[in-house]
């Protein structure tokens, strides 16, 4: 699997930034190529995105979630194998560093060439920048889920 890491500083408190990231169905508003995310329950989502010019569908599971600190996921089915984590680091009362790590499996010649050219890395960079713009412009989250998940199981 290929791995990408990106970080960005957001001018909002850590709880606001974390709360917004838990609103998975809002991802199409700031993630290029994501057409729909449907939350099936507290730990499972169904994704629909355009990647490398092709419609891709997959299911993902939250495997770890700690409020204001970390969310980790992995795909469980579909044609876009991926996994990753996002960490939230408070930098003061109204600033947060968001650190996104993603691993994905390029499929076929087009995806491997695009990967070699850094296209996916640029897309992930755009995602963190667009998330920053989205949350800073709003000044608040669109919702929140403050439960915890460990090993794919909700604990609170």
N, C-alpha and C. Protein backbone atom coordinates (compact mmCIF):
# COMPACT_ATOMS: atom_id res chain seq x y z
N UNK A 1 0.84 -1.19 0.00
CA UNK A 1 0.00 0.00 0.00
C UNK A 1 0.88 1.24 0.00
N UNK A 2 0.41 2.28 -0.66
CA UNK A 2 1.08 3.57 -0.67
C UNK A 2 0.63 4.36 0.54
N UNK A 3 1.49 5.25 1.05
CA UNK A 3 1.18 6.01 2.25
C UNK A 3 1.39 7.50 2.00
N UNK A 4 0.43 8.30 2.48
CA UNK A 4 0.50 9.76 2.37
C UNK A 4 0.24 10.35 3.74
N UNK A 5 1.03 11.36 4.10
CA UNK A 5 0.81 12.09 5.36
C UNK A 5 0.76 13.58 5.06
N UNK A 6 -0.24 14.25 5.63
CA UNK A 6 -0.40 15.69 5.45
C UNK A 6 -0.86 16.29 6.78
N UNK A 7 -0.39 17.50 7.06
CA UNK A 7 -0.80 18.22 8.27
C UNK A 7 -1.20 19.64 7.90
N UNK A 8 -2.09 20.20 8.72
CA UNK A 8 -2.48 21.60 8.52
C UNK A 8 -2.90 22.18 9.87
N UNK A 9 -2.67 23.45 10.03
CA UNK A 9 -3.08 24.15 11.24
C UNK A 9 -4.40 24.86 10.97
N UNK A 10 -5.37 24.66 11.87
CA UNK A 10 -6.70 25.23 11.72
C UNK A 10 -6.95 26.22 12.85
N UNK A 11 -7.54 27.36 12.54
CA UNK A 11 -7.82 28.39 13.55
C UNK A 11 -9.18 28.15 14.19
N UNK A 12 -9.30 27.03 14.90
CA UNK A 12 -10.50 26.67 15.67
C UNK A 12 -10.05 25.79 16.83
N UNK A 13 -10.83 25.76 17.90
CA UNK A 13 -10.50 24.88 19.03
C UNK A 13 -10.55 23.41 18.63
N UNK A 14 -9.77 22.59 19.33
CA UNK A 14 -9.67 21.17 19.00
C UNK A 14 -11.03 20.48 19.03
N UNK A 15 -11.90 20.81 19.99
CA UNK A 15 -13.19 20.12 20.05
C UNK A 15 -14.06 20.45 18.83
N UNK A 16 -13.97 21.68 18.32
CA UNK A 16 -14.73 22.07 17.13
C UNK A 16 -14.22 21.32 15.90
N UNK A 17 -12.91 21.26 15.76
CA UNK A 17 -12.29 20.59 14.61
C UNK A 17 -12.62 19.10 14.65
N UNK A 18 -12.44 18.48 15.80
CA UNK A 18 -12.75 17.06 15.95
C UNK A 18 -14.23 16.79 15.68
N UNK A 19 -15.10 17.59 16.28
CA UNK A 19 -16.54 17.40 16.09
C UNK A 19 -16.91 17.43 14.61
N UNK A 20 -16.33 18.37 13.86
CA UNK A 20 -16.66 18.45 12.43
C UNK A 20 -16.16 17.21 11.70
N UNK A 21 -14.99 16.70 12.06
CA UNK A 21 -14.46 15.53 11.37
C UNK A 21 -15.34 14.30 11.61
N UNK A 22 -16.10 14.27 12.69
CA UNK A 22 -16.99 13.13 12.95
C UNK A 22 -18.25 13.17 12.10
N UNK A 23 -18.45 14.23 11.37
CA UNK A 23 -19.64 14.39 10.52
C UNK A 23 -19.32 13.88 9.11
N UNK A 24 -19.19 12.57 8.98
CA UNK A 24 -18.72 11.94 7.76
C UNK A 24 -19.59 12.26 6.54
N UNK A 25 -20.89 12.39 6.74
CA UNK A 25 -21.76 12.67 5.61
C UNK A 25 -21.54 14.07 5.02
N UNK A 26 -20.80 14.92 5.74
CA UNK A 26 -20.45 16.26 5.25
C UNK A 26 -19.17 16.25 4.40
N UNK A 27 -18.45 15.14 4.34
CA UNK A 27 -17.17 15.08 3.63
C UNK A 27 -17.24 15.56 2.18
N UNK A 28 -18.31 15.25 1.44
CA UNK A 28 -18.35 15.75 0.05
C UNK A 28 -18.26 17.28 -0.06
N UNK A 29 -18.54 17.98 1.02
CA UNK A 29 -18.47 19.45 0.98
C UNK A 29 -17.04 19.97 0.95
N UNK A 30 -16.06 19.12 1.34
CA UNK A 30 -14.67 19.59 1.30
C UNK A 30 -13.68 18.56 0.76
N UNK A 31 -14.13 17.37 0.40
CA UNK A 31 -13.23 16.35 -0.15
C UNK A 31 -13.49 16.20 -1.65
N UNK A 32 -12.53 16.64 -2.44
CA UNK A 32 -12.63 16.53 -3.89
C UNK A 32 -12.81 15.08 -4.29
N UNK A 33 -13.76 14.84 -5.16
CA UNK A 33 -13.98 13.50 -5.68
C UNK A 33 -14.97 12.67 -4.88
N UNK A 34 -15.21 13.04 -3.62
CA UNK A 34 -16.15 12.27 -2.81
C UNK A 34 -17.56 12.73 -3.17
N UNK A 35 -18.36 11.80 -3.65
CA UNK A 35 -19.72 12.12 -4.07
C UNK A 35 -20.71 11.92 -2.93
N UNK A 36 -20.50 10.88 -2.11
CA UNK A 36 -21.42 10.61 -1.01
C UNK A 36 -20.75 9.74 0.04
N UNK A 37 -21.04 10.04 1.29
CA UNK A 37 -20.68 9.17 2.41
C UNK A 37 -21.97 8.95 3.18
N UNK A 38 -22.35 7.71 3.33
CA UNK A 38 -23.55 7.38 4.08
C UNK A 38 -23.13 6.67 5.36
N UNK A 39 -23.50 7.24 6.50
CA UNK A 39 -23.17 6.63 7.78
C UNK A 39 -24.22 5.56 8.07
N UNK A 40 -23.78 4.31 8.20
CA UNK A 40 -24.68 3.19 8.41
C UNK A 40 -24.99 2.98 9.89
N UNK A 41 -23.99 3.21 10.74
CA UNK A 41 -24.14 3.17 12.20
C UNK A 41 -22.95 3.93 12.79
N UNK A 42 -22.71 3.81 14.09
CA UNK A 42 -21.64 4.60 14.72
C UNK A 42 -20.25 4.31 14.16
N UNK A 43 -20.03 3.10 13.63
CA UNK A 43 -18.68 2.74 13.20
C UNK A 43 -18.56 2.32 11.73
N UNK A 44 -19.64 2.39 10.95
CA UNK A 44 -19.59 1.94 9.56
C UNK A 44 -20.15 2.99 8.60
N UNK A 45 -19.45 3.13 7.45
CA UNK A 45 -19.85 4.07 6.43
C UNK A 45 -19.76 3.43 5.06
N UNK A 46 -20.59 3.91 4.15
CA UNK A 46 -20.53 3.50 2.75
C UNK A 46 -20.09 4.73 1.95
N UNK A 47 -19.04 4.57 1.16
CA UNK A 47 -18.45 5.66 0.39
C UNK A 47 -18.73 5.50 -1.10
N UNK A 48 -18.88 6.64 -1.78
CA UNK A 48 -18.96 6.71 -3.23
C UNK A 48 -18.10 7.89 -3.65
N UNK A 49 -17.10 7.62 -4.47
CA UNK A 49 -16.19 8.68 -4.90
C UNK A 49 -15.76 8.44 -6.34
N UNK A 50 -15.25 9.49 -6.95
CA UNK A 50 -14.61 9.37 -8.25
C UNK A 50 -13.11 9.43 -8.02
N UNK A 51 -12.43 8.36 -8.39
CA UNK A 51 -10.98 8.28 -8.21
C UNK A 51 -10.38 7.86 -9.55
N UNK A 52 -9.43 8.65 -10.03
CA UNK A 52 -8.78 8.40 -11.30
C UNK A 52 -9.81 8.31 -12.43
N UNK A 53 -10.87 9.10 -12.34
CA UNK A 53 -11.87 9.14 -13.39
C UNK A 53 -12.87 7.99 -13.36
N UNK A 54 -12.83 7.17 -12.31
CA UNK A 54 -13.75 6.04 -12.21
C UNK A 54 -14.56 6.13 -10.93
N UNK A 55 -15.84 5.72 -11.03
CA UNK A 55 -16.67 5.63 -9.82
C UNK A 55 -16.19 4.46 -8.97
N UNK A 56 -15.97 4.72 -7.70
CA UNK A 56 -15.54 3.68 -6.76
C UNK A 56 -16.50 3.68 -5.58
N UNK A 57 -16.75 2.49 -5.07
CA UNK A 57 -17.62 2.29 -3.92
C UNK A 57 -16.89 1.40 -2.93
N UNK A 58 -17.01 1.73 -1.64
CA UNK A 58 -16.44 0.88 -0.61
C UNK A 58 -17.10 1.14 0.72
N UNK A 59 -17.00 0.17 1.59
CA UNK A 59 -17.45 0.32 2.97
C UNK A 59 -16.23 0.48 3.85
N UNK A 60 -16.37 1.27 4.89
CA UNK A 60 -15.27 1.50 5.82
C UNK A 60 -15.76 1.36 7.24
N UNK A 61 -14.83 1.02 8.11
CA UNK A 61 -15.13 0.83 9.53
C UNK A 61 -14.19 1.71 10.35
N UNK A 62 -14.77 2.40 11.33
CA UNK A 62 -13.95 3.13 12.30
C UNK A 62 -13.40 2.08 13.26
N UNK A 63 -12.08 2.02 13.39
CA UNK A 63 -11.47 1.02 14.28
C UNK A 63 -11.00 1.64 15.59
N UNK A 64 -10.83 2.97 15.58
CA UNK A 64 -10.46 3.67 16.81
C UNK A 64 -10.98 5.10 16.72
N UNK A 65 -11.56 5.56 17.82
CA UNK A 65 -12.03 6.93 17.88
C UNK A 65 -11.93 7.40 19.32
N UNK A 66 -11.14 8.43 19.55
CA UNK A 66 -10.96 9.02 20.88
C UNK A 66 -11.24 10.51 20.74
N UNK A 67 -12.30 11.01 21.38
CA UNK A 67 -12.67 12.42 21.22
C UNK A 67 -11.51 13.38 21.40
N UNK A 68 -11.43 14.32 20.47
CA UNK A 68 -10.44 15.39 20.44
C UNK A 68 -9.01 14.89 20.22
N UNK A 69 -8.82 13.60 19.91
CA UNK A 69 -7.47 13.08 19.74
C UNK A 69 -7.25 12.35 18.43
N UNK A 70 -8.14 11.37 18.10
CA UNK A 70 -7.81 10.49 16.98
C UNK A 70 -9.04 9.76 16.44
N UNK A 71 -9.05 9.57 15.13
CA UNK A 71 -10.02 8.72 14.45
C UNK A 71 -9.23 7.87 13.45
N UNK A 72 -9.40 6.55 13.51
CA UNK A 72 -8.72 5.65 12.57
C UNK A 72 -9.76 4.78 11.88
N UNK A 73 -9.52 4.44 10.62
CA UNK A 73 -10.47 3.66 9.84
C UNK A 73 -9.73 2.69 8.93
N UNK A 74 -10.52 1.79 8.35
CA UNK A 74 -10.02 0.90 7.29
C UNK A 74 -11.20 0.52 6.42
N UNK A 75 -10.93 0.31 5.14
CA UNK A 75 -11.98 -0.17 4.26
C UNK A 75 -12.21 -1.65 4.55
N UNK A 76 -13.45 -2.09 4.39
CA UNK A 76 -13.79 -3.49 4.66
C UNK A 76 -14.25 -4.21 3.40
N UNK A 77 -14.78 -3.47 2.43
CA UNK A 77 -15.22 -4.05 1.16
C UNK A 77 -15.03 -3.00 0.09
N UNK A 78 -15.17 -3.42 -1.17
CA UNK A 78 -15.20 -2.46 -2.26
C UNK A 78 -13.95 -2.43 -3.10
N UNK A 79 -13.93 -1.47 -4.03
CA UNK A 79 -12.87 -1.41 -5.02
C UNK A 79 -11.88 -0.26 -4.80
N UNK A 80 -11.74 0.18 -3.55
CA UNK A 80 -10.76 1.22 -3.22
C UNK A 80 -10.15 0.92 -1.85
N UNK A 81 -9.30 -0.13 -1.75
CA UNK A 81 -8.72 -0.48 -0.46
C UNK A 81 -7.96 0.71 0.14
N UNK A 82 -8.28 1.03 1.40
CA UNK A 82 -7.61 2.15 2.05
C UNK A 82 -7.73 2.02 3.56
N UNK A 83 -6.90 2.76 4.25
CA UNK A 83 -6.93 2.82 5.71
C UNK A 83 -6.24 4.12 6.10
N UNK A 84 -6.42 4.52 7.34
CA UNK A 84 -5.76 5.74 7.76
C UNK A 84 -6.18 6.20 9.13
N UNK A 85 -5.67 7.37 9.48
CA UNK A 85 -6.00 7.97 10.77
C UNK A 85 -5.86 9.48 10.65
N UNK A 86 -6.63 10.16 11.47
CA UNK A 86 -6.50 11.61 11.58
C UNK A 86 -6.30 11.91 13.07
N UNK A 87 -5.25 12.68 13.36
CA UNK A 87 -4.96 13.09 14.74
C UNK A 87 -5.22 14.57 14.88
N UNK A 88 -5.67 14.94 16.08
CA UNK A 88 -5.99 16.33 16.39
C UNK A 88 -5.10 16.76 17.55
N UNK A 89 -4.31 17.81 17.32
CA UNK A 89 -3.36 18.29 18.33
C UNK A 89 -3.69 19.75 18.69
N UNK A 90 -4.13 19.99 19.94
CA UNK A 90 -4.41 21.38 20.31
C UNK A 90 -3.11 22.19 20.35
N UNK A 91 -3.16 23.39 19.77
CA UNK A 91 -2.00 24.28 19.75
C UNK A 91 -2.28 25.55 20.55
N UNK A 92 -3.33 25.52 21.32
CA UNK A 92 -3.78 26.68 22.09
C UNK A 92 -5.28 26.62 22.18
N UNK A 93 -5.87 27.64 22.73
CA UNK A 93 -7.32 27.66 22.94
C UNK A 93 -8.12 27.67 21.64
N UNK A 94 -7.54 28.24 20.57
CA UNK A 94 -8.31 28.37 19.34
C UNK A 94 -7.53 27.94 18.10
N UNK A 95 -6.59 27.00 18.28
CA UNK A 95 -5.81 26.50 17.13
C UNK A 95 -5.57 25.01 17.30
N UNK A 96 -5.65 24.30 16.18
CA UNK A 96 -5.52 22.85 16.18
C UNK A 96 -4.70 22.41 14.97
N UNK A 97 -3.79 21.48 15.19
CA UNK A 97 -3.10 20.85 14.06
C UNK A 97 -3.84 19.56 13.73
N UNK A 98 -4.20 19.40 12.46
CA UNK A 98 -4.83 18.19 11.95
C UNK A 98 -3.76 17.44 11.17
N UNK A 99 -3.53 16.18 11.57
CA UNK A 99 -2.52 15.36 10.90
C UNK A 99 -3.23 14.14 10.31
N UNK A 100 -3.27 14.05 8.98
CA UNK A 100 -3.96 12.99 8.27
C UNK A 100 -2.95 12.03 7.66
N UNK A 101 -3.11 10.75 7.95
CA UNK A 101 -2.28 9.70 7.36
C UNK A 101 -3.21 8.75 6.62
N UNK A 102 -2.88 8.46 5.36
CA UNK A 102 -3.70 7.56 4.55
C UNK A 102 -2.82 6.53 3.88
N UNK A 103 -3.33 5.31 3.80
CA UNK A 103 -2.69 4.26 3.00
C UNK A 103 -3.74 3.77 2.02
N UNK A 104 -3.32 3.53 0.79
CA UNK A 104 -4.26 3.10 -0.24
C UNK A 104 -3.52 2.19 -1.22
N UNK A 105 -4.30 1.44 -1.96
CA UNK A 105 -3.77 0.47 -2.91
C UNK A 105 -4.09 0.93 -4.33
N UNK A 106 -3.09 1.45 -5.08
CA UNK A 106 -3.36 1.81 -6.48
C UNK A 106 -3.70 0.54 -7.27
N UNK A 107 -4.67 0.65 -8.17
CA UNK A 107 -5.10 -0.49 -8.99
C UNK A 107 -4.90 -0.16 -10.46
N UNK A 108 -4.15 -0.96 -11.15
CA UNK A 108 -3.99 -0.81 -12.59
C UNK A 108 -2.99 0.26 -12.99
N UNK A 109 -2.73 0.34 -14.28
CA UNK A 109 -1.70 1.23 -14.82
C UNK A 109 -2.00 2.70 -14.57
N UNK A 110 -3.24 3.13 -14.79
CA UNK A 110 -3.58 4.55 -14.64
C UNK A 110 -3.35 5.00 -13.19
N UNK A 111 -3.81 4.22 -12.23
CA UNK A 111 -3.64 4.60 -10.83
C UNK A 111 -2.17 4.57 -10.42
N UNK A 112 -1.40 3.60 -10.92
CA UNK A 112 0.02 3.54 -10.58
C UNK A 112 0.79 4.72 -11.17
N UNK A 113 0.46 5.12 -12.40
CA UNK A 113 1.10 6.29 -13.01
C UNK A 113 0.70 7.55 -12.25
N UNK A 114 -0.60 7.69 -11.95
CA UNK A 114 -1.07 8.85 -11.18
C UNK A 114 -0.39 8.93 -9.83
N UNK A 115 -0.20 7.78 -9.19
CA UNK A 115 0.47 7.73 -7.90
C UNK A 115 1.92 8.20 -8.06
N UNK A 116 2.60 7.73 -9.09
CA UNK A 116 4.00 8.10 -9.33
C UNK A 116 4.13 9.60 -9.59
N UNK A 117 3.12 10.20 -10.17
CA UNK A 117 3.13 11.64 -10.46
C UNK A 117 2.72 12.48 -9.25
N UNK A 118 2.30 11.84 -8.18
CA UNK A 118 1.93 12.57 -6.97
C UNK A 118 0.52 13.12 -6.99
N UNK A 119 -0.33 12.60 -7.86
CA UNK A 119 -1.69 13.12 -7.97
C UNK A 119 -2.49 12.85 -6.70
N UNK A 120 -2.38 11.66 -6.14
CA UNK A 120 -3.13 11.34 -4.92
C UNK A 120 -2.62 12.17 -3.75
N UNK A 121 -1.33 12.36 -3.66
CA UNK A 121 -0.77 13.20 -2.60
C UNK A 121 -1.32 14.62 -2.69
N UNK A 122 -1.41 15.15 -3.90
CA UNK A 122 -1.96 16.50 -4.09
C UNK A 122 -3.43 16.54 -3.70
N UNK A 123 -4.17 15.48 -4.00
CA UNK A 123 -5.59 15.44 -3.66
C UNK A 123 -5.77 15.44 -2.14
N UNK A 124 -4.92 14.70 -1.42
CA UNK A 124 -5.01 14.66 0.04
C UNK A 124 -4.63 16.02 0.62
N UNK A 125 -3.62 16.68 0.04
CA UNK A 125 -3.26 18.03 0.48
C UNK A 125 -4.43 18.98 0.28
N UNK A 126 -5.10 18.89 -0.86
CA UNK A 126 -6.28 19.72 -1.11
C UNK A 126 -7.38 19.44 -0.09
N UNK A 127 -7.53 18.18 0.30
CA UNK A 127 -8.55 17.82 1.29
C UNK A 127 -8.31 18.53 2.61
N UNK A 128 -7.08 18.50 3.11
CA UNK A 128 -6.84 19.16 4.41
C UNK A 128 -6.98 20.68 4.28
N UNK A 129 -6.54 21.24 3.16
CA UNK A 129 -6.70 22.68 2.96
C UNK A 129 -8.18 23.07 2.84
N UNK A 130 -8.95 22.27 2.12
CA UNK A 130 -10.37 22.56 1.97
C UNK A 130 -11.13 22.36 3.27
N UNK A 131 -10.73 21.38 4.08
CA UNK A 131 -11.33 21.20 5.40
C UNK A 131 -11.07 22.44 6.26
N UNK A 132 -9.84 22.94 6.24
CA UNK A 132 -9.47 24.15 7.00
C UNK A 132 -10.37 25.32 6.59
N UNK A 133 -10.51 25.53 5.29
CA UNK A 133 -11.36 26.63 4.80
C UNK A 133 -12.81 26.44 5.24
N UNK A 134 -13.29 25.20 5.13
CA UNK A 134 -14.68 24.89 5.47
C UNK A 134 -14.96 25.21 6.94
N UNK A 135 -14.15 24.71 7.85
CA UNK A 135 -14.42 24.88 9.29
C UNK A 135 -14.13 26.31 9.74
N UNK A 136 -13.10 26.94 9.21
CA UNK A 136 -12.81 28.32 9.61
C UNK A 136 -13.89 29.28 9.13
N UNK A 137 -14.39 29.05 7.93
CA UNK A 137 -15.45 29.92 7.40
C UNK A 137 -16.73 29.76 8.22
N UNK A 138 -17.08 28.53 8.58
CA UNK A 138 -18.28 28.27 9.38
C UNK A 138 -18.12 28.81 10.79
N UNK A 139 -16.92 28.67 11.36
CA UNK A 139 -16.68 29.11 12.73
C UNK A 139 -17.25 28.15 13.77
N UNK A 140 -17.81 27.04 13.32
CA UNK A 140 -18.37 26.04 14.22
C UNK A 140 -18.68 24.78 13.46
N UNK A 141 -18.88 23.72 14.18
CA UNK A 141 -19.13 22.43 13.56
C UNK A 141 -20.59 22.28 13.14
N UNK A 142 -20.85 21.36 12.22
CA UNK A 142 -22.22 21.10 11.77
C UNK A 142 -22.89 20.03 12.63
N UNK A 143 -22.15 19.43 13.53
CA UNK A 143 -22.65 18.39 14.42
C UNK A 143 -21.49 17.76 15.15
N UNK A 144 -21.76 16.71 15.91
CA UNK A 144 -20.70 16.05 16.67
C UNK A 144 -21.12 14.65 17.06
N UNK A 145 -20.14 13.78 17.20
CA UNK A 145 -20.34 12.48 17.82
C UNK A 145 -19.16 12.28 18.75
N UNK A 146 -19.40 12.20 20.04
CA UNK A 146 -18.35 12.20 21.04
C UNK A 146 -18.08 10.81 21.63
N UNK A 147 -18.64 9.76 21.05
CA UNK A 147 -18.41 8.42 21.55
C UNK A 147 -16.98 7.95 21.27
N UNK A 148 -16.61 6.86 21.91
CA UNK A 148 -15.29 6.26 21.71
C UNK A 148 -15.44 4.91 21.04
N UNK A 149 -14.43 4.56 20.24
CA UNK A 149 -14.37 3.27 19.57
C UNK A 149 -12.98 2.71 19.77
N UNK A 150 -12.92 1.44 20.16
CA UNK A 150 -11.64 0.75 20.31
C UNK A 150 -11.80 -0.63 19.70
N UNK A 151 -10.90 -0.98 18.79
CA UNK A 151 -10.97 -2.27 18.14
C UNK A 151 -12.23 -2.45 17.31
N UNK A 152 -12.78 -1.36 16.80
CA UNK A 152 -13.98 -1.43 15.98
C UNK A 152 -15.26 -1.51 16.79
N UNK A 153 -15.16 -1.49 18.11
CA UNK A 153 -16.34 -1.59 18.98
C UNK A 153 -16.57 -0.28 19.72
N UNK A 154 -17.79 0.20 19.71
CA UNK A 154 -18.14 1.40 20.46
C UNK A 154 -18.03 1.10 21.96
N UNK A 155 -17.38 2.01 22.70
CA UNK A 155 -17.22 1.79 24.15
C UNK A 155 -17.95 2.81 24.99
N UNK A 156 -18.49 3.84 24.38
CA UNK A 156 -19.28 4.81 25.15
C UNK A 156 -20.26 5.52 24.27
